[in-house]
Amino acid sequence: MRKNIDEIMVNPDLAIKEVMKKINAVPKLGLPSGIALIVNEEKELLGVVTDGDIRRAIIRGIDINNKVSEIMVKEPITVLSSMYPNSMLKMINNKVSKAIKKKRLHQRKVDKIVVVDKDNKVVDVLTFFEIWRKSDIRLKNVCIVGMGFVGLTLAVSLADIGFNVTGIEINENIVNKINNGNPHFHEKNLDYILKRNINKNLFVNTEITTNNNDIYIISVGTLVGNDRKANLDSIKQVSSMIGKFLKVDDLVINRSNVPVGICRNVVLPILEKESNLICGEDFYLAFPPERTVEGKALEELKSLPQIIGGFSKKCVNEASNFFRNLAPPYHCC
């Protein structure tokens, strides 16, 4: 959900010319362009108006000092925030078909869709492309931090089934080996699958450089010190690094072995602090344990059911939808 979505909400009594100014200003704020949402004091959606609606109104001779409510579309295409992208697409298709039959729409193309909650209060505005992209998990970019046994085997497995994967590894020697198609440890069939995907679906770097990733997987080692306690320095560093790039709707998965409670009490606060986002609302956090054994990792990644824990039910569902591409998931909250 966009934090500043209020910037495109307007009162129905606002003059058309003032709405025009608002529509022209919002692209600089990173908000959907060409649309304003007409809402009441409770932020319940009353209608929408686009720059096209305003142009057509001016052509018809309507005074731009008139209230925007006079030209707003009272039954815009909306979807519920509680729905998954696939269900949103079905609802949009049904609503568009009905609107065409009623002659409220003259074509099937709908660019912007308003997302509302069960009380019809505005939550967000999405483009059709954004919803379509979210509906296909394989269109999402995966970033795996840590190219050890856990990270690299998972990276090549995901790349091999069509995901775009970026691996992050601070050891430059390991990065160079992987980029040359040579794994730095032995695992059955790993060299063959790596050579098939490296620099195609799999790219390995020493640091995260873009926020184009949608799914982040933490797979760094957690050594046990002389005090028999896990050293969490690497987990904290990676969480901070990911948090700086985290955006709305991203999924973070901890694949590292850590003591119970570390994800909620250490990883989560760092992610929220660095991103200024709220877990369970703006982004998702899940913690499915890694259970593969050496010699059978690539085979087991595709056959062992995933035991998935998460911060919330939605977090579990998001991770489950992702891992379903590899193996049958088993939910647990």
C-alpha atoms as a PDB file:
ATOM      1  CA  MET A   1       0.000   0.000   0.000  1.00  0.00           C
ATOM      2  CA  ARG A   2       1.321   3.450  -0.886  1.00  0.00           C
ATOM      3  CA  LYS A   3       1.777   5.542   2.241  1.00  0.00           C
ATOM      4  CA  ASN A   4       0.873   8.819   0.493  1.00  0.00           C
ATOM      5  CA  ILE A   5      -2.231   7.625  -1.354  1.00  0.00           C
ATOM      6  CA  ASP A   6      -4.161  10.406   0.436  1.00  0.00           C
ATOM      7  CA  GLU A   7      -2.547  12.858  -1.978  1.00  0.00           C
ATOM      8  CA  ILE A   8      -4.885  11.790  -4.783  1.00  0.00           C
ATOM      9  CA  MET A   9      -8.023  11.776  -2.627  1.00  0.00           C
ATOM     10  CA  VAL A  10     -10.304  14.798  -3.049  1.00  0.00           C
ATOM     11  CA  ASN A  11     -13.559  16.077  -1.615  1.00  0.00           C
ATOM     12  CA  PRO A  12     -16.578  15.872  -3.963  1.00  0.00           C
ATOM     13  CA  ASP A  13     -17.142  19.626  -3.545  1.00  0.00           C
ATOM     14  CA  LEU A  14     -13.662  20.542  -4.805  1.00  0.00           C
ATOM     15  CA  ALA A  15     -13.621  22.543  -8.042  1.00  0.00           C
ATOM     16  CA  ILE A  16     -12.634  20.709 -11.213  1.00  0.00           C
ATOM     17  CA  LYS A  17      -9.744  23.118 -11.812  1.00  0.00           C
ATOM     18  CA  GLU A  18      -8.297  22.324  -8.372  1.00  0.00           C
ATOM     19  CA  VAL A  19      -8.528  18.613  -9.098  1.00  0.00           C
ATOM     20  CA  MET A  20      -6.643  19.258 -12.342  1.00  0.00           C
ATOM     21  CA  LYS A  21      -3.788  20.827 -10.352  1.00  0.00           C
ATOM     22  CA  LYS A  22      -3.705  17.832  -8.005  1.00  0.00           C
ATOM     23  CA  ILE A  23      -3.625  15.324 -10.845  1.00  0.00           C
ATOM     24  CA  ASN A  24      -0.738  17.199 -12.491  1.00  0.00           C
ATOM     25  CA  ALA A  25       1.272  17.291  -9.259  1.00  0.00           C
ATOM     26  CA  VAL A  26       1.052  13.678  -8.063  1.00  0.00           C
ATOM     27  CA  PRO A  27       3.523  11.997 -10.495  1.00  0.00           C
ATOM     28  CA  LYS A  28       6.358  13.754  -8.645  1.00  0.00           C
ATOM     29  CA  LEU A  29       5.220  11.922  -5.503  1.00  0.00           C
ATOM     30  CA  GLY A  30       5.463   8.500  -7.115  1.00  0.00           C
ATOM     31  CA  LEU A  31       1.686   8.094  -7.261  1.00  0.00           C
ATOM     32  CA  PRO A  32      -0.471   6.844 -10.151  1.00  0.00           C
ATOM     33  CA  SER A  33      -0.835   9.617 -12.719  1.00  0.00           C
ATOM     34  CA  GLY A  34      -3.970  10.879 -14.409  1.00  0.00           C
ATOM     35  CA  ILE A  35      -6.491   9.979 -11.712  1.00  0.00           C
ATOM     36  CA  ALA A  36      -8.091  11.446  -8.579  1.00  0.00           C
ATOM     37  CA  LEU A  37     -10.209   9.589  -6.045  1.00  0.00           C
ATOM     38  CA  ILE A  38     -13.401  11.241  -4.847  1.00  0.00           C
ATOM     39  CA  VAL A  39     -13.987  10.293  -1.200  1.00  0.00           C
ATOM     40  CA  ASN A  40     -16.036  11.380   1.793  1.00  0.00           C
ATOM     41  CA  GLU A  41     -14.644  12.314   5.209  1.00  0.00           C
ATOM     42  CA  GLU A  42     -14.292   8.618   6.143  1.00  0.00           C
ATOM     43  CA  LYS A  43     -12.253   8.006   2.955  1.00  0.00           C
ATOM     44  CA  GLU A  44     -15.026   5.879   1.502  1.00  0.00           C
ATOM     45  CA  LEU A  45     -14.863   5.858  -2.286  1.00  0.00           C
ATOM     46  CA  LEU A  46     -17.587   7.866  -4.020  1.00  0.00           C
ATOM     47  CA  GLY A  47     -16.116   7.863  -7.499  1.00  0.00           C
ATOM     48  CA  VAL A  48     -13.064   8.673  -9.612  1.00  0.00           C
ATOM     49  CA  VAL A  49     -12.151  11.270 -12.196  1.00  0.00           C
ATOM     50  CA  THR A  50      -9.350  11.019 -14.733  1.00  0.00           C
ATOM     51  CA  ASP A  51      -7.592  13.634 -16.825  1.00  0.00           C
ATOM     52  CA  GLY A  52      -9.550  12.202 -19.767  1.00  0.00           C
ATOM     53  CA  ASP A  53     -12.850  12.784 -17.946  1.00  0.00           C
ATOM     54  CA  ILE A  54     -11.849  16.398 -17.351  1.00  0.00           C
ATOM     55  CA  ARG A  55     -10.881  16.977 -20.996  1.00  0.00           C
ATOM     56  CA  ARG A  56     -14.188  15.548 -22.186  1.00  0.00           C
ATOM     57  CA  ALA A  57     -16.058  17.736 -19.684  1.00  0.00           C
ATOM     58  CA  ILE A  58     -14.312  20.863 -20.953  1.00  0.00           C
ATOM     59  CA  ILE A  59     -15.155  19.932 -24.547  1.00  0.00           C
ATOM     60  CA  ARG A  60     -18.810  19.615 -23.493  1.00  0.00           C
ATOM     61  CA  GLY A  61     -18.640  23.142 -22.116  1.00  0.00           C
ATOM     62  CA  ILE A  62     -18.679  22.337 -18.399  1.00  0.00           C
ATOM     63  CA  ASP A  63     -17.216  25.136 -16.279  1.00  0.00           C
ATOM     64  CA  ILE A  64     -13.999  24.053 -14.518  1.00  0.00           C
ATOM     65  CA  ASN A  65     -15.176  25.982 -11.443  1.00  0.00           C
ATOM     66  CA  ASN A  66     -17.971  23.437 -10.998  1.00  0.00           C
ATOM     67  CA  LYS A  67     -17.744  20.674  -8.395  1.00  0.00           C
ATOM     68  CA  VAL A  68     -15.805  17.591  -9.445  1.00  0.00           C
ATOM     69  CA  SER A  69     -18.708  15.420  -8.294  1.00  0.00           C
ATOM     70  CA  GLU A  70     -20.588  16.589 -11.402  1.00  0.00           C
ATOM     71  CA  ILE A  71     -18.231  14.734 -13.746  1.00  0.00           C
ATOM     72  CA  MET A  72     -16.907  11.867 -11.609  1.00  0.00           C
ATOM     73  CA  VAL A  73     -17.408   8.204 -12.560  1.00  0.00           C
ATOM     74  CA  LYS A  74     -19.663   6.882  -9.809  1.00  0.00           C
ATOM     75  CA  GLU A  75     -19.075   3.180 -10.375  1.00  0.00           C
ATOM     76  CA  PRO A  76     -15.365   2.719 -11.064  1.00  0.00           C
ATOM     77  CA  ILE A  77     -13.730  -0.705 -11.352  1.00  0.00           C
ATOM     78  CA  THR A  78     -12.625  -1.719  -7.840  1.00  0.00           C
ATOM     79  CA  VAL A  79     -11.205  -4.805  -6.148  1.00  0.00           C
ATOM     80  CA  LEU A  80     -10.980  -5.822  -2.507  1.00  0.00           C
ATOM     81  CA  SER A  81      -7.655  -5.508  -0.695  1.00  0.00           C
ATOM     82  CA  SER A  82      -8.190  -8.911   0.946  1.00  0.00           C
ATOM     83  CA  MET A  83      -8.159 -10.692  -2.424  1.00  0.00           C
ATOM     84  CA  TYR A  84      -5.206 -12.423  -4.039  1.00  0.00           C
ATOM     85  CA  PRO A  85      -4.054 -11.136  -7.454  1.00  0.00           C
ATOM     86  CA  ASN A  86      -5.615 -14.040  -9.388  1.00  0.00           C
ATOM     87  CA  SER A  87      -8.993 -13.340  -7.773  1.00  0.00           C
ATOM     88  CA  MET A  88      -8.562  -9.628  -8.491  1.00  0.00           C
ATOM     89  CA  LEU A  89      -8.091 -10.374 -12.186  1.00  0.00           C
ATOM     90  CA  LYS A  90     -11.279 -12.446 -12.271  1.00  0.00           C
ATOM     91  CA  MET A  91     -13.242  -9.716 -10.489  1.00  0.00           C
ATOM     92  CA  ILE A  92     -11.918  -7.054 -12.878  1.00  0.00           C
ATOM     93  CA  ASN A  93     -12.890  -9.151 -15.889  1.00  0.00           C
ATOM     94  CA  ASN A  94     -16.411  -9.708 -14.538  1.00  0.00           C
ATOM     95  CA  LYS A  95     -16.910  -6.031 -13.684  1.00  0.00           C
ATOM     96  CA  VAL A  96     -15.604  -4.862 -17.041  1.00  0.00           C
ATOM     97  CA  SER A  97     -17.924  -7.272 -18.871  1.00  0.00           C
ATOM     98  CA  LYS A  98     -20.927  -5.986 -16.901  1.00  0.00           C
ATOM     99  CA  ALA A  99     -19.899  -2.351 -17.481  1.00  0.00           C
ATOM    100  CA  ILE A 100     -19.679  -2.947 -21.232  1.00  0.00           C
ATOM    101  CA  LYS A 101     -23.136  -4.537 -21.288  1.00  0.00           C
ATOM    102  CA  LYS A 102     -24.521  -1.511 -19.437  1.00  0.00           C
ATOM    103  CA  LYS A 103     -22.626   0.733 -21.892  1.00  0.00           C
ATOM    104  CA  ARG A 104     -20.656   2.374 -19.085  1.00  0.00           C
ATOM    105  CA  LEU A 105     -17.483   1.203 -20.833  1.00  0.00           C
ATOM    106  CA  HIS A 106     -16.826   0.985 -24.555  1.00  0.00           C
ATOM    107  CA  GLN A 107     -13.681  -1.166 -24.433  1.00  0.00           C
ATOM    108  CA  ARG A 108     -12.217  -3.935 -22.264  1.00  0.00           C
ATOM    109  CA  LYS A 109      -9.001  -2.057 -21.565  1.00  0.00           C
ATOM    110  CA  VAL A 110      -8.868  -0.706 -18.000  1.00  0.00           C
ATOM    111  CA  ASP A 111      -5.622   0.909 -16.882  1.00  0.00           C
ATOM    112  CA  LYS A 112      -6.096   1.822 -13.215  1.00  0.00           C
ATOM    113  CA  ILE A 113      -8.034  -0.119 -10.591  1.00  0.00           C
ATOM    114  CA  VAL A 114      -8.928   1.209  -7.151  1.00  0.00           C
ATOM    115  CA  VAL A 115      -8.285  -1.146  -4.233  1.00  0.00           C
ATOM    116  CA  VAL A 116     -10.759  -0.806  -1.359  1.00  0.00           C
ATOM    117  CA  ASP A 117     -11.356  -2.618   1.925  1.00  0.00           C
ATOM    118  CA  LYS A 118     -14.604  -4.306   3.003  1.00  0.00           C
ATOM    119  CA  ASP A 119     -15.993  -0.913   4.072  1.00  0.00           C
ATOM    120  CA  ASN A 120     -15.273   0.623   0.635  1.00  0.00           C
ATOM    121  CA  LYS A 121     -12.439   2.743   2.034  1.00  0.00           C
ATOM    122  CA  VAL A 122      -9.581   3.411  -0.358  1.00  0.00           C
ATOM    123  CA  VAL A 123      -6.452   1.333   0.185  1.00  0.00           C
ATOM    124  CA  ASP A 124      -4.482   1.847  -3.032  1.00  0.00           C
ATOM    125  CA  VAL A 125      -4.590   2.324  -6.782  1.00  0.00           C
ATOM    126  CA  LEU A 126      -2.948  -0.313  -8.983  1.00  0.00           C
ATOM    127  CA  THR A 127      -2.446  -0.600 -12.696  1.00  0.00           C
ATOM    128  CA  PHE A 128      -3.739  -3.681 -14.465  1.00  0.00           C
ATOM    129  CA  PHE A 129      -0.117  -4.600 -15.233  1.00  0.00           C
ATOM    130  CA  GLU A 130       0.815  -4.492 -11.540  1.00  0.00           C
ATOM    131  CA  ILE A 131      -2.018  -6.866 -10.637  1.00  0.00           C
ATOM    132  CA  TRP A 132      -1.223  -9.170 -13.548  1.00  0.00           C
ATOM    133  CA  ARG A 133       2.458  -9.263 -12.569  1.00  0.00           C
ATOM    134  CA  LYS A 134       1.601 -10.122  -8.971  1.00  0.00           C
ATOM    135  CA  SER A 135      -0.653 -12.938 -10.156  1.00  0.00           C
ATOM    136  CA  ASP A 136       2.289 -14.866 -11.651  1.00  0.00           C
ATOM    137  CA  ILE A 137       4.880 -15.635  -8.988  1.00  0.00           C
ATOM    138  CA  ARG A 138       7.489 -16.513 -11.614  1.00  0.00           C
ATOM    139  CA  LEU A 139       7.520 -12.954 -12.884  1.00  0.00           C
ATOM    140  CA  LYS A 140       8.989 -11.914  -9.543  1.00  0.00           C
ATOM    141  CA  ASN A 141      12.712 -11.356  -9.099  1.00  0.00           C
ATOM    142  CA  VAL A 142      14.440 -13.356  -6.370  1.00  0.00           C
ATOM    143  CA  CYS A 143      17.500 -12.195  -4.433  1.00  0.00           C
ATOM    144  CA  ILE A 144      19.349 -14.798  -2.345  1.00  0.00           C
ATOM    145  CA  VAL A 145      21.934 -13.448   0.103  1.00  0.00           C
ATOM    146  CA  GLY A 146      24.629 -16.025   0.821  1.00  0.00           C
ATOM    147  CA  MET A 147      25.962 -18.411  -1.847  1.00  0.00           C
ATOM    148  CA  GLY A 148      26.993 -21.259   0.412  1.00  0.00           C
ATOM    149  CA  PHE A 149      25.557 -24.772   0.259  1.00  0.00           C
ATOM    150  CA  VAL A 150      22.029 -23.618   1.130  1.00  0.00           C
ATOM    151  CA  GLY A 151      21.963 -20.478  -0.995  1.00  0.00           C
ATOM    152  CA  LEU A 152      23.590 -21.727  -4.177  1.00  0.00           C
ATOM    153  CA  THR A 153      21.620 -24.976  -4.431  1.00  0.00           C
ATOM    154  CA  LEU A 154      18.385 -23.047  -3.941  1.00  0.00           C
ATOM    155  CA  ALA A 155      19.478 -20.372  -6.425  1.00  0.00           C
ATOM    156  CA  VAL A 156      20.217 -22.811  -9.260  1.00  0.00           C
ATOM    157  CA  SER A 157      17.019 -24.775  -8.528  1.00  0.00           C
ATOM    158  CA  LEU A 158      14.884 -21.633  -8.802  1.00  0.00           C
ATOM    159  CA  ALA A 159      16.730 -20.373 -11.875  1.00  0.00           C
ATOM    160  CA  ASP A 160      16.306 -23.758 -13.527  1.00  0.00           C
ATOM    161  CA  ILE A 161      12.493 -23.563 -13.294  1.00  0.00           C
ATOM    162  CA  GLY A 162      12.325 -20.063 -14.723  1.00  0.00           C
ATOM    163  CA  PHE A 163      12.835 -17.566 -11.898  1.00  0.00           C
ATOM    164  CA  ASN A 164      15.154 -14.595 -12.366  1.00  0.00           C
ATOM    165  CA  VAL A 165      17.613 -14.985  -9.501  1.00  0.00           C
ATOM    166  CA  THR A 166      20.330 -12.714  -8.169  1.00  0.00           C
ATOM    167  CA  GLY A 167      22.815 -14.238  -5.753  1.00  0.00           C
ATOM    168  CA  ILE A 168      24.723 -12.072  -3.292  1.00  0.00           C
ATOM    169  CA  GLU A 169      28.068 -13.236  -1.882  1.00  0.00           C
ATOM    170  CA  ILE A 170      30.701 -11.044  -0.183  1.00  0.00           C
ATOM    171  CA  ASN A 171      33.567 -13.414  -1.032  1.00  0.00           C
ATOM    172  CA  GLU A 172      34.809 -12.215  -4.427  1.00  0.00           C
ATOM    173  CA  ASN A 173      36.658 -15.457  -5.145  1.00  0.00           C
ATOM    174  CA  ILE A 174      33.441 -17.418  -4.754  1.00  0.00           C
ATOM    175  CA  VAL A 175      31.583 -14.895  -6.938  1.00  0.00           C
ATOM    176  CA  ASN A 176      34.181 -15.289  -9.693  1.00  0.00           C
ATOM    177  CA  LYS A 177      34.022 -19.084  -9.535  1.00  0.00           C
ATOM    178  CA  ILE A 178      30.231 -19.154  -9.726  1.00  0.00           C
ATOM    179  CA  ASN A 179      30.137 -16.644 -12.579  1.00  0.00           C
ATOM    180  CA  ASN A 180      32.536 -18.894 -14.479  1.00  0.00           C
ATOM    181  CA  GLY A 181      30.151 -21.808 -13.967  1.00  0.00           C
ATOM    182  CA  ASN A 182      32.236 -23.501 -11.271  1.00  0.00           C
ATOM    183  CA  PRO A 183      30.598 -24.199  -7.881  1.00  0.00           C
ATOM    184  CA  HIS A 184      32.931 -23.899  -4.877  1.00  0.00           C
ATOM    185  CA  PHE A 185      31.724 -27.167  -3.327  1.00  0.00           C
ATOM    186  CA  HIS A 186      30.664 -30.524  -4.667  1.00  0.00           C
ATOM    187  CA  GLU A 187      27.008 -31.408  -5.007  1.00  0.00           C
ATOM    188  CA  LYS A 188      25.545 -33.936  -7.395  1.00  0.00           C
ATOM    189  CA  ASN A 189      24.547 -32.273 -10.731  1.00  0.00           C
ATOM    190  CA  LEU A 190      25.196 -28.783  -9.351  1.00  0.00           C
ATOM    191  CA  ASP A 191      27.933 -27.918 -11.877  1.00  0.00           C
ATOM    192  CA  TYR A 192      25.737 -28.936 -14.808  1.00  0.00           C
ATOM    193  CA  ILE A 193      22.669 -26.931 -13.674  1.00  0.00           C
ATOM    194  CA  LEU A 194      24.846 -23.947 -12.726  1.00  0.00           C
ATOM    195  CA  LYS A 195      26.465 -23.794 -16.183  1.00  0.00           C
ATOM    196  CA  ARG A 196      23.005 -24.031 -17.754  1.00  0.00           C
ATOM    197  CA  ASN A 197      21.681 -20.983 -15.880  1.00  0.00           C
ATOM    198  CA  ILE A 198      24.563 -18.681 -14.933  1.00  0.00           C
ATOM    199  CA  ASN A 199      24.345 -15.267 -16.612  1.00  0.00           C
ATOM    200  CA  LYS A 200      20.971 -16.262 -18.029  1.00  0.00           C
ATOM    201  CA  ASN A 201      18.492 -16.703 -15.179  1.00  0.00           C
ATOM    202  CA  LEU A 202      21.129 -16.500 -12.440  1.00  0.00           C
ATOM    203  CA  PHE A 203      23.479 -13.586 -11.771  1.00  0.00           C
ATOM    204  CA  VAL A 204      25.836 -13.336  -8.807  1.00  0.00           C
ATOM    205  CA  ASN A 205      27.214 -10.094  -7.312  1.00  0.00           C
ATOM    206  CA  THR A 206      28.909  -8.950  -4.121  1.00  0.00           C
ATOM    207  CA  GLU A 207      26.128  -6.592  -3.027  1.00  0.00           C
ATOM    208  CA  ILE A 208      22.519  -5.602  -3.630  1.00  0.00           C
ATOM    209  CA  THR A 209      22.403  -2.694  -6.066  1.00  0.00           C
ATOM    210  CA  THR A 210      18.717  -2.340  -6.965  1.00  0.00           C
ATOM    211  CA  ASN A 211      15.251  -2.566  -5.418  1.00  0.00           C
ATOM    212  CA  ASN A 212      13.877  -4.465  -8.435  1.00  0.00           C
ATOM    213  CA  ASN A 213      13.819  -7.632  -6.335  1.00  0.00           C
ATOM    214  CA  ASP A 214      10.485  -8.889  -5.020  1.00  0.00           C
ATOM    215  CA  ILE A 215      11.592 -11.837  -2.879  1.00  0.00           C
ATOM    216  CA  TYR A 216      14.635 -11.819  -0.589  1.00  0.00           C
ATOM    217  CA  ILE A 217      16.038 -15.025   0.886  1.00  0.00           C
ATOM    218  CA  ILE A 218      18.544 -14.938   3.745  1.00  0.00           C
ATOM    219  CA  SER A 219      20.898 -17.914   3.620  1.00  0.00           C
ATOM    220  CA  VAL A 220      24.032 -16.815   5.451  1.00  0.00           C
ATOM    221  CA  GLY A 221      25.826 -18.951   8.011  1.00  0.00           C
ATOM    222  CA  THR A 222      25.315 -18.571  11.748  1.00  0.00           C
ATOM    223  CA  LEU A 223      28.362 -19.809  13.627  1.00  0.00           C
ATOM    224  CA  VAL A 224      28.209 -20.911  17.258  1.00  0.00           C
ATOM    225  CA  GLY A 225      30.667 -19.145  19.550  1.00  0.00           C
ATOM    226  CA  ASN A 226      32.622 -20.466  22.508  1.00  0.00           C
ATOM    227  CA  ASP A 227      29.674 -19.513  24.696  1.00  0.00           C
ATOM    228  CA  ARG A 228      27.564 -21.969  22.673  1.00  0.00           C
ATOM    229  CA  LYS A 229      25.383 -19.132  21.433  1.00  0.00           C
ATOM    230  CA  ALA A 230      24.701 -18.362  17.772  1.00  0.00           C
ATOM    231  CA  ASN A 231      26.627 -15.434  16.344  1.00  0.00           C
ATOM    232  CA  LEU A 232      23.926 -13.260  14.794  1.00  0.00           C
ATOM    233  CA  ASP A 233      26.189 -10.576  13.306  1.00  0.00           C
ATOM    234  CA  SER A 234      25.751 -11.794   9.719  1.00  0.00           C
ATOM    235  CA  ILE A 235      21.970 -12.102  10.144  1.00  0.00           C
ATOM    236  CA  LYS A 236      21.784  -8.541  11.457  1.00  0.00           C
ATOM    237  CA  GLN A 237      23.978  -7.182   8.645  1.00  0.00           C
ATOM    238  CA  VAL A 238      21.972  -8.913   5.928  1.00  0.00           C
ATOM    239  CA  SER A 239      18.653  -7.828   7.455  1.00  0.00           C
ATOM    240  CA  SER A 240      19.864  -4.227   7.498  1.00  0.00           C
ATOM    241  CA  MET A 241      21.042  -4.478   3.883  1.00  0.00           C
ATOM    242  CA  ILE A 242      17.743  -5.939   2.683  1.00  0.00           C
ATOM    243  CA  GLY A 243      15.731  -3.424   4.698  1.00  0.00           C
ATOM    244  CA  LYS A 244      17.317  -0.530   2.812  1.00  0.00           C
ATOM    245  CA  PHE A 245      15.943  -1.903  -0.484  1.00  0.00           C
ATOM    246  CA  LEU A 246      12.647  -3.331   0.801  1.00  0.00           C
ATOM    247  CA  LYS A 247       9.464  -2.038  -0.798  1.00  0.00           C
ATOM    248  CA  VAL A 248       5.727  -2.618  -0.468  1.00  0.00           C
ATOM    249  CA  ASP A 249       4.566  -6.218  -1.130  1.00  0.00           C
ATOM    250  CA  ASP A 250       8.071  -7.700  -0.959  1.00  0.00           C
ATOM    251  CA  LEU A 251       8.582 -11.085   0.707  1.00  0.00           C
ATOM    252  CA  VAL A 252      11.550 -11.830   2.994  1.00  0.00           C
ATOM    253  CA  ILE A 253      12.368 -15.471   3.736  1.00  0.00           C
ATOM    254  CA  ASN A 254      14.907 -16.524   6.348  1.00  0.00           C
ATOM    255  CA  ARG A 255      16.591 -19.758   5.294  1.00  0.00           C
ATOM    256  CA  SER A 256      19.465 -19.494   7.782  1.00  0.00           C
ATOM    257  CA  ASN A 257      19.516 -21.729  10.857  1.00  0.00           C
ATOM    258  CA  VAL A 258      18.779 -19.518  13.848  1.00  0.00           C
ATOM    259  CA  PRO A 259      17.416 -20.047  17.370  1.00  0.00           C
ATOM    260  CA  VAL A 260      13.661 -19.827  17.892  1.00  0.00           C
ATOM    261  CA  GLY A 261      12.415 -16.236  18.043  1.00  0.00           C
ATOM    262  CA  ILE A 262      15.287 -14.617  16.131  1.00  0.00           C
ATOM    263  CA  CYS A 263      13.179 -13.815  13.067  1.00  0.00           C
ATOM    264  CA  ARG A 264      10.514 -12.017  15.099  1.00  0.00           C
ATOM    265  CA  ASN A 265      12.807 -10.419  17.670  1.00  0.00           C
ATOM    266  CA  VAL A 266      15.885  -9.559  15.600  1.00  0.00           C
ATOM    267  CA  VAL A 267      15.250  -9.756  11.840  1.00  0.00           C
ATOM    268  CA  LEU A 268      11.785  -8.193  11.814  1.00  0.00           C
ATOM    269  CA  PRO A 269      12.629  -5.041  13.849  1.00  0.00           C
ATOM    270  CA  ILE A 270      15.670  -4.360  11.648  1.00  0.00           C
ATOM    271  CA  LEU A 271      13.657  -4.753   8.439  1.00  0.00           C
ATOM    272  CA  GLU A 272      10.921  -2.420   9.726  1.00  0.00           C
ATOM    273  CA  LYS A 273      13.411   0.179  10.942  1.00  0.00           C
ATOM    274  CA  GLU A 274      15.455   0.288   7.725  1.00  0.00           C
ATOM    275  CA  SER A 275      12.462   0.216   5.372  1.00  0.00           C
ATOM    276  CA  ASN A 276       9.976   2.263   7.393  1.00  0.00           C
ATOM    277  CA  LEU A 277       7.410  -0.404   6.456  1.00  0.00           C
ATOM    278  CA  ILE A 278       5.180  -2.613   8.615  1.00  0.00           C
ATOM    279  CA  CYS A 279       5.498  -6.385   8.496  1.00  0.00           C
ATOM    280  CA  GLY A 280       2.235  -8.157   7.693  1.00  0.00           C
ATOM    281  CA  GLU A 281       0.795  -5.009   6.119  1.00  0.00           C
ATOM    282  CA  ASP A 282       3.442  -3.600   3.789  1.00  0.00           C
ATOM    283  CA  PHE A 283       5.794  -6.567   3.423  1.00  0.00           C
ATOM    284  CA  TYR A 284       5.869 -10.235   4.419  1.00  0.00           C
ATOM    285  CA  LEU A 285       8.256 -12.325   6.520  1.00  0.00           C
ATOM    286  CA  ALA A 286       8.435 -16.112   6.554  1.00  0.00           C
ATOM    287  CA  PHE A 287      10.831 -18.666   8.028  1.00  0.00           C
ATOM    288  CA  PRO A 288      10.790 -22.105   6.372  1.00  0.00           C
ATOM    289  CA  PRO A 289      13.731 -24.154   7.738  1.00  0.00           C
ATOM    290  CA  GLU A 290      16.328 -25.617   5.403  1.00  0.00           C
ATOM    291  CA  ARG A 291      16.365 -29.438   5.589  1.00  0.00           C
ATOM    292  CA  THR A 292      18.404 -30.683   2.622  1.00  0.00           C
ATOM    293  CA  VAL A 293      21.427 -32.968   3.069  1.00  0.00           C
ATOM    294  CA  GLU A 294      24.657 -32.948   1.087  1.00  0.00           C
ATOM    295  CA  GLY A 295      24.554 -35.134  -1.975  1.00  0.00           C
ATOM    296  CA  LYS A 296      20.779 -34.922  -2.322  1.00  0.00           C
ATOM    297  CA  ALA A 297      20.108 -31.182  -2.051  1.00  0.00           C
ATOM    298  CA  LEU A 298      18.885 -30.556  -5.606  1.00  0.00           C
ATOM    299  CA  GLU A 299      16.680 -33.636  -5.478  1.00  0.00           C
ATOM    300  CA  GLU A 300      15.230 -32.871  -2.045  1.00  0.00           C
ATOM    301  CA  LEU A 301      14.490 -29.249  -2.879  1.00  0.00           C
ATOM    302  CA  LYS A 302      11.995 -30.567  -5.434  1.00  0.00           C
ATOM    303  CA  SER A 303      10.583 -33.426  -3.370  1.00  0.00           C
ATOM    304  CA  LEU A 304      10.569 -32.553   0.336  1.00  0.00           C
ATOM    305  CA  PRO A 305       7.459 -30.638   1.505  1.00  0.00           C
ATOM    306  CA  GLN A 306       8.302 -27.194   2.865  1.00  0.00           C
ATOM    307  CA  ILE A 307       7.455 -26.502   6.508  1.00  0.00           C
ATOM    308  CA  ILE A 308       6.557 -22.831   6.445  1.00  0.00           C
ATOM    309  CA  GLY A 309       6.265 -20.530   9.417  1.00  0.00           C
ATOM    310  CA  GLY A 310       5.477 -16.833   9.137  1.00  0.00           C
ATOM    311  CA  PHE A 311       4.718 -13.627  10.959  1.00  0.00           C
ATOM    312  CA  SER A 312       1.069 -13.857   9.893  1.00  0.00           C
ATOM    313  CA  LYS A 313      -1.252 -16.038   7.845  1.00  0.00           C
ATOM    314  CA  LYS A 314      -0.726 -13.791   4.827  1.00  0.00           C
ATOM    315  CA  CYS A 315       3.045 -14.137   5.236  1.00  0.00           C
ATOM    316  CA  VAL A 316       2.708 -17.936   5.292  1.00  0.00           C
ATOM    317  CA  ASN A 317       0.466 -17.887   2.221  1.00  0.00           C
ATOM    318  CA  GLU A 318       2.882 -15.678   0.288  1.00  0.00           C
ATOM    319  CA  ALA A 319       5.823 -17.977   1.065  1.00  0.00           C
ATOM    320  CA  SER A 320       3.722 -21.053   0.335  1.00  0.00           C
ATOM    321  CA  ASN A 321       2.743 -19.667  -3.070  1.00  0.00           C
ATOM    322  CA  PHE A 322       6.426 -19.148  -3.812  1.00  0.00           C
ATOM    323  CA  PHE A 323       7.741 -22.553  -2.676  1.00  0.00           C
ATOM    324  CA  ARG A 324       4.864 -24.353  -4.367  1.00  0.00           C
ATOM    325  CA  ASN A 325       6.883 -24.010  -7.558  1.00  0.00           C
ATOM    326  CA  LEU A 326       9.581 -26.240  -6.097  1.00  0.00           C
ATOM    327  CA  ALA A 327       7.816 -28.705  -3.812  1.00  0.00           C
ATOM    328  CA  PRO A 328       4.427 -29.287  -2.120  1.00  0.00           C
ATOM    329  CA  PRO A 329       4.215 -26.879   0.844  1.00  0.00           C
ATOM    330  CA  TYR A 330       3.043 -27.631   4.349  1.00  0.00           C
ATOM    331  CA  HIS A 331       1.667 -24.632   6.237  1.00  0.00           C
ATOM    332  CA  CYS A 332       2.310 -23.801   9.840  1.00  0.00           C
ATOM    333  CA  CYS A 333       1.975 -20.447  11.583  1.00  0.00           C
END
